[in-house]
Amino acid sequence: MAVPKRKSSPGRRDRRRSHQALSAPALSVDQKTKSVHRPHHIDLRTGFYRGEQILFKDDVEEEDTEASGEG
């Protein structure tokens, strides 16, 4: 088993650990719905990405047909 020949100094130990800090995830706020989501990702609550409906398209189409009285 490898064993260190000398004790690591506190400064060397801290310099090694300087890159291990955790950072908070970046978040974006949607302009229309004001919901918080990860940048460059679909908002999973509303299904919008860059102002366009990507998910839940069927739900929106059904609501549109019911409102117009066709269905």
N, C-alpha and C. Protein backbone atom coordinates (compact mmCIF):
# COMPACT_ATOMS: atom_id res chain seq x y z
N MET A 1 0.84 -1.18 0.00
CA MET A 1 0.00 0.00 0.00
C MET A 1 0.88 1.24 0.00
N ALA A 2 0.52 2.24 -0.78
CA ALA A 2 1.30 3.46 -0.86
C ALA A 2 1.07 4.30 0.39
N VAL A 3 2.16 4.78 0.94
CA VAL A 3 2.10 5.60 2.16
C VAL A 3 2.87 6.88 1.88
N PRO A 4 2.33 8.07 2.25
CA PRO A 4 3.06 9.31 2.03
C PRO A 4 4.33 9.36 2.85
N LYS A 5 5.38 9.88 2.22
CA LYS A 5 6.66 9.97 2.91
C LYS A 5 6.66 11.12 3.91
N ARG A 6 5.96 12.20 3.58
CA ARG A 6 5.90 13.36 4.46
C ARG A 6 4.43 13.75 4.68
N LYS A 7 4.19 14.44 5.78
CA LYS A 7 2.85 14.94 6.07
C LYS A 7 2.55 16.13 5.15
N SER A 8 1.33 16.12 4.56
CA SER A 8 0.94 17.25 3.71
C SER A 8 0.67 18.46 4.59
N SER A 9 1.19 19.61 4.18
CA SER A 9 0.98 20.83 4.94
C SER A 9 -0.47 21.29 4.79
N PRO A 10 -0.98 22.06 5.75
CA PRO A 10 -2.36 22.54 5.62
C PRO A 10 -2.59 23.38 4.36
N GLY A 11 -1.60 24.16 3.97
CA GLY A 11 -1.75 24.97 2.75
C GLY A 11 -1.88 24.11 1.51
N ARG A 12 -1.08 23.07 1.40
CA ARG A 12 -1.15 22.18 0.25
C ARG A 12 -2.49 21.44 0.25
N ARG A 13 -2.90 21.00 1.42
CA ARG A 13 -4.19 20.32 1.54
C ARG A 13 -5.33 21.24 1.10
N ASP A 14 -5.30 22.50 1.54
CA ASP A 14 -6.37 23.43 1.20
C ASP A 14 -6.35 23.80 -0.28
N ARG A 15 -5.16 23.92 -0.88
CA ARG A 15 -5.09 24.20 -2.32
C ARG A 15 -5.66 23.05 -3.12
N ARG A 16 -5.44 21.83 -2.67
CA ARG A 16 -5.99 20.68 -3.36
C ARG A 16 -7.52 20.68 -3.26
N ARG A 17 -8.05 21.09 -2.13
CA ARG A 17 -9.49 21.08 -1.91
C ARG A 17 -10.20 22.31 -2.47
N SER A 18 -9.47 23.26 -3.01
CA SER A 18 -10.08 24.52 -3.45
C SER A 18 -11.04 24.32 -4.61
N HIS A 19 -10.91 23.25 -5.37
CA HIS A 19 -11.77 23.02 -6.54
C HIS A 19 -12.94 22.10 -6.22
N GLN A 20 -13.10 21.71 -4.96
CA GLN A 20 -14.14 20.74 -4.62
C GLN A 20 -15.42 21.39 -4.11
N ALA A 21 -15.49 22.70 -4.11
CA ALA A 21 -16.67 23.39 -3.59
C ALA A 21 -17.88 23.12 -4.48
N LEU A 22 -19.04 22.99 -3.87
CA LEU A 22 -20.28 22.79 -4.62
C LEU A 22 -20.86 24.14 -5.00
N SER A 23 -21.39 24.22 -6.19
CA SER A 23 -22.01 25.46 -6.64
C SER A 23 -23.52 25.25 -6.75
N ALA A 24 -24.26 26.31 -6.56
CA ALA A 24 -25.72 26.24 -6.68
C ALA A 24 -26.08 26.11 -8.16
N PRO A 25 -27.12 25.33 -8.48
CA PRO A 25 -27.50 25.19 -9.89
C PRO A 25 -28.05 26.50 -10.45
N ALA A 26 -27.75 26.74 -11.71
CA ALA A 26 -28.25 27.95 -12.37
C ALA A 26 -29.74 27.78 -12.65
N LEU A 27 -30.50 28.85 -12.46
CA LEU A 27 -31.93 28.82 -12.70
C LEU A 27 -32.35 30.00 -13.55
N SER A 28 -33.36 29.79 -14.37
CA SER A 28 -33.93 30.85 -15.20
C SER A 28 -35.39 31.02 -14.85
N VAL A 29 -35.91 32.22 -15.09
CA VAL A 29 -37.32 32.51 -14.84
C VAL A 29 -38.00 32.74 -16.18
N ASP A 30 -39.07 32.00 -16.42
CA ASP A 30 -39.83 32.15 -17.66
C ASP A 30 -40.55 33.50 -17.65
N GLN A 31 -40.51 34.20 -18.77
CA GLN A 31 -41.09 35.53 -18.85
C GLN A 31 -42.62 35.49 -18.80
N LYS A 32 -43.23 34.49 -19.44
CA LYS A 32 -44.69 34.43 -19.49
C LYS A 32 -45.28 33.87 -18.19
N THR A 33 -44.79 32.69 -17.78
CA THR A 33 -45.41 32.00 -16.65
C THR A 33 -44.75 32.32 -15.33
N LYS A 34 -43.58 32.96 -15.35
CA LYS A 34 -42.83 33.31 -14.14
C LYS A 34 -42.42 32.08 -13.34
N SER A 35 -42.35 30.92 -13.98
CA SER A 35 -41.91 29.71 -13.30
C SER A 35 -40.40 29.56 -13.44
N VAL A 36 -39.80 28.92 -12.47
CA VAL A 36 -38.34 28.76 -12.42
C VAL A 36 -37.98 27.40 -13.03
N HIS A 37 -36.98 27.40 -13.91
CA HIS A 37 -36.52 26.16 -14.54
C HIS A 37 -35.05 26.29 -14.85
N ARG A 38 -34.43 25.17 -15.25
CA ARG A 38 -33.02 25.18 -15.61
C ARG A 38 -32.85 25.85 -16.97
N PRO A 39 -31.78 26.62 -17.16
CA PRO A 39 -31.61 27.29 -18.45
C PRO A 39 -31.40 26.29 -19.58
N HIS A 40 -31.95 26.59 -20.74
CA HIS A 40 -31.86 25.77 -21.95
C HIS A 40 -32.53 24.41 -21.77
N HIS A 41 -33.51 24.31 -20.88
CA HIS A 41 -34.28 23.09 -20.67
C HIS A 41 -35.77 23.43 -20.74
N ILE A 42 -36.57 22.43 -21.05
CA ILE A 42 -38.02 22.60 -21.08
C ILE A 42 -38.51 22.77 -19.65
N ASP A 43 -39.45 23.69 -19.47
CA ASP A 43 -40.10 23.86 -18.17
C ASP A 43 -41.08 22.71 -18.02
N LEU A 44 -40.84 21.80 -17.09
CA LEU A 44 -41.64 20.60 -16.98
C LEU A 44 -43.04 20.87 -16.43
N ARG A 45 -43.25 21.98 -15.76
CA ARG A 45 -44.59 22.29 -15.24
C ARG A 45 -45.52 22.75 -16.35
N THR A 46 -45.01 23.60 -17.23
CA THR A 46 -45.87 24.17 -18.27
C THR A 46 -45.66 23.54 -19.64
N GLY A 47 -44.49 22.94 -19.88
CA GLY A 47 -44.20 22.34 -21.18
C GLY A 47 -43.69 23.32 -22.20
N PHE A 48 -43.36 24.55 -21.80
CA PHE A 48 -42.87 25.56 -22.72
C PHE A 48 -41.35 25.56 -22.78
N TYR A 49 -40.81 25.88 -23.95
CA TYR A 49 -39.39 26.12 -24.14
C TYR A 49 -39.25 27.26 -25.13
N ARG A 50 -38.63 28.34 -24.70
CA ARG A 50 -38.41 29.53 -25.53
C ARG A 50 -39.72 30.05 -26.11
N GLY A 51 -40.77 30.05 -25.30
CA GLY A 51 -42.05 30.60 -25.72
C GLY A 51 -42.89 29.69 -26.60
N GLU A 52 -42.47 28.46 -26.82
CA GLU A 52 -43.20 27.54 -27.68
C GLU A 52 -43.62 26.32 -26.87
N GLN A 53 -44.85 25.86 -27.07
CA GLN A 53 -45.37 24.69 -26.35
C GLN A 53 -44.73 23.44 -26.94
N ILE A 54 -43.95 22.72 -26.12
CA ILE A 54 -43.27 21.52 -26.57
C ILE A 54 -43.95 20.28 -26.00
N LEU A 55 -44.17 20.27 -24.69
CA LEU A 55 -44.86 19.16 -24.03
C LEU A 55 -46.33 19.51 -23.86
N PHE A 56 -47.12 18.49 -23.62
CA PHE A 56 -48.54 18.65 -23.34
C PHE A 56 -49.28 19.34 -24.49
N LYS A 57 -48.89 19.10 -25.73
CA LYS A 57 -49.56 19.73 -26.87
C LYS A 57 -51.00 19.22 -26.99
N ASP A 58 -51.23 17.94 -26.70
CA ASP A 58 -52.57 17.38 -26.82
C ASP A 58 -53.53 18.06 -25.87
N ASP A 59 -53.08 18.35 -24.64
CA ASP A 59 -53.94 19.00 -23.66
C ASP A 59 -54.36 20.38 -24.14
N VAL A 60 -53.45 21.12 -24.74
CA VAL A 60 -53.75 22.46 -25.21
C VAL A 60 -54.71 22.40 -26.39
N GLU A 61 -54.52 21.45 -27.30
CA GLU A 61 -55.40 21.32 -28.47
C GLU A 61 -56.81 20.95 -28.04
N GLU A 62 -56.95 20.07 -27.03
CA GLU A 62 -58.28 19.68 -26.55
C GLU A 62 -59.00 20.86 -25.94
N GLU A 63 -58.27 21.66 -25.17
CA GLU A 63 -58.87 22.84 -24.55
C GLU A 63 -59.31 23.83 -25.62
N ASP A 64 -58.52 23.96 -26.69
CA ASP A 64 -58.87 24.88 -27.77
C ASP A 64 -60.14 24.44 -28.48
N THR A 65 -60.29 23.13 -28.74
CA THR A 65 -61.47 22.62 -29.43
C THR A 65 -62.71 22.74 -28.55
N GLU A 66 -62.56 22.52 -27.25
CA GLU A 66 -63.70 22.64 -26.34
C GLU A 66 -64.15 24.08 -26.25
N ALA A 67 -63.22 25.00 -26.24
CA ALA A 67 -63.57 26.42 -26.12
C ALA A 67 -64.26 26.92 -27.38
N SER A 68 -63.90 26.37 -28.53
CA SER A 68 -64.50 26.84 -29.78
C SER A 68 -65.86 26.17 -30.06
N GLY A 69 -66.15 25.08 -29.33
CA GLY A 69 -67.46 24.41 -29.48
C GLY A 69 -67.47 23.37 -30.58
N GLU A 70 -66.31 22.97 -31.09
CA GLU A 70 -66.27 21.97 -32.16
C GLU A 70 -66.37 20.55 -31.61
N GLY A 71 -65.94 20.33 -30.35
CA GLY A 71 -65.85 18.98 -29.84
C GLY A 71 -67.00 18.55 -29.09
